[in-house]
Amino acid sequence: MSDMKKLCNSINNCLVREDSSSNELHMGEIVYILRVKSQLTQEDLAQKANVCAQTVKRLEGGKGKVSDITCRAIFQALGVNITLLTKLLDE
């Protein structure tokens, strides 16, 4: 399986947190943290990733899953090393 496919599967599996008492971050929270550290607005990130701003808002709010293509675009726009992140998720 490609690195991107593994990453997106991992992300989609943890994206919508059903147990709100969990201490783990959901993917939208991780995107939010990376976006804020990059000093980007949701609109800036959406433009940089070539996705709709509503997609970024939904993602950060944990309201849905994203496609592999959208996932790659958002992480690339945030400067994430997808190969390295995939390896870390596999550990």
Protein backbone atom coordinates (compact mmCIF):
# COMPACT_ATOMS: atom_id res chain seq x y z
CA MET A 1 0.00 0.00 0.00
CA SER A 2 1.34 3.45 -0.84
CA ASP A 3 2.47 5.80 1.92
CA MET A 4 -0.34 8.20 1.09
CA LYS A 5 -2.97 5.46 1.19
CA LYS A 6 -1.68 4.26 4.59
CA LEU A 7 -1.63 7.80 5.92
CA CYS A 8 -5.14 8.59 4.74
CA ASN A 9 -6.48 5.29 6.09
CA SER A 10 -4.92 6.07 9.47
CA ILE A 11 -6.31 9.59 9.37
CA ASN A 12 -9.78 8.52 8.34
CA ASN A 13 -9.84 5.87 11.08
CA CYS A 14 -9.22 8.48 13.77
CA LEU A 15 -10.81 11.51 12.16
CA VAL A 16 -14.24 11.39 13.76
CA ARG A 17 -13.87 10.78 17.46
CA GLU A 18 -16.90 8.88 18.68
CA ASP A 19 -15.77 8.78 22.32
CA SER A 20 -15.57 12.43 23.30
CA SER A 21 -13.99 11.48 26.64
CA SER A 22 -10.88 10.23 24.82
CA ASN A 23 -7.66 12.14 25.49
CA GLU A 24 -6.33 11.48 21.99
CA LEU A 25 -6.36 14.25 19.40
CA HIS A 26 -8.52 13.72 16.35
CA MET A 27 -7.04 14.51 12.96
CA GLY A 28 -8.83 17.83 12.67
CA GLU A 29 -7.18 19.00 15.88
CA ILE A 30 -3.79 18.02 14.47
CA VAL A 31 -4.48 19.95 11.26
CA TYR A 32 -5.62 22.91 13.38
CA ILE A 33 -2.39 22.87 15.42
CA LEU A 34 -0.22 22.63 12.31
CA ARG A 35 -2.22 25.37 10.58
CA VAL A 36 -1.93 27.77 13.52
CA LYS A 37 1.81 27.04 13.90
CA SER A 38 2.13 27.84 10.19
CA GLN A 39 0.28 31.12 10.82
CA LEU A 40 -2.38 30.30 8.25
CA THR A 41 -6.10 31.02 8.38
CA GLN A 42 -8.50 28.29 7.33
CA GLU A 43 -9.00 30.21 4.10
CA ASP A 44 -5.23 30.49 3.54
CA LEU A 45 -4.77 26.75 4.03
CA ALA A 46 -7.70 25.96 1.76
CA GLN A 47 -6.27 28.17 -0.97
CA LYS A 48 -2.77 26.73 -0.55
CA ALA A 49 -4.15 23.16 -0.65
CA ASN A 50 -6.55 24.01 -3.50
CA VAL A 51 -9.57 22.81 -1.52
CA CYS A 52 -12.73 24.53 -0.33
CA ALA A 53 -12.48 26.48 2.94
CA GLN A 54 -15.53 24.56 4.14
CA THR A 55 -13.50 21.34 3.79
CA VAL A 56 -10.85 22.69 6.17
CA LYS A 57 -13.56 23.84 8.60
CA ARG A 58 -15.26 20.41 8.54
CA LEU A 59 -11.93 18.64 8.96
CA GLU A 60 -10.88 20.75 11.93
CA GLY A 61 -14.31 20.33 13.48
CA GLY A 62 -14.11 16.52 13.16
CA LYS A 63 -17.30 16.51 11.12
CA GLY A 64 -16.28 14.16 8.33
CA LYS A 65 -13.67 12.19 6.46
CA VAL A 66 -11.46 13.42 3.64
CA SER A 67 -10.40 11.76 0.39
CA ASP A 68 -6.83 10.63 -0.23
CA ILE A 69 -6.36 13.50 -2.66
CA THR A 70 -7.64 16.10 -0.20
CA CYS A 71 -5.57 14.57 2.59
CA ARG A 72 -2.38 14.79 0.52
CA ALA A 73 -3.13 18.36 -0.55
CA ILE A 74 -3.72 19.57 3.00
CA PHE A 75 -0.63 17.90 4.42
CA GLN A 76 1.54 19.11 1.55
CA ALA A 77 0.22 22.63 2.06
CA LEU A 78 1.20 22.34 5.73
CA GLY A 79 4.69 21.10 4.82
CA VAL A 80 4.24 17.65 6.36
CA ASN A 81 6.64 14.88 5.32
CA ILE A 82 4.05 12.26 4.42
CA THR A 83 6.51 9.35 4.24
CA LEU A 84 7.91 10.11 7.71
CA LEU A 85 4.46 10.59 9.23
CA THR A 86 3.27 7.29 7.77
CA LYS A 87 6.25 5.49 9.31
CA LEU A 88 5.51 7.08 12.69
CA LEU A 89 1.86 6.03 12.48
CA ASP A 90 2.91 2.45 11.75
CA GLU A 91 5.01 2.23 14.92
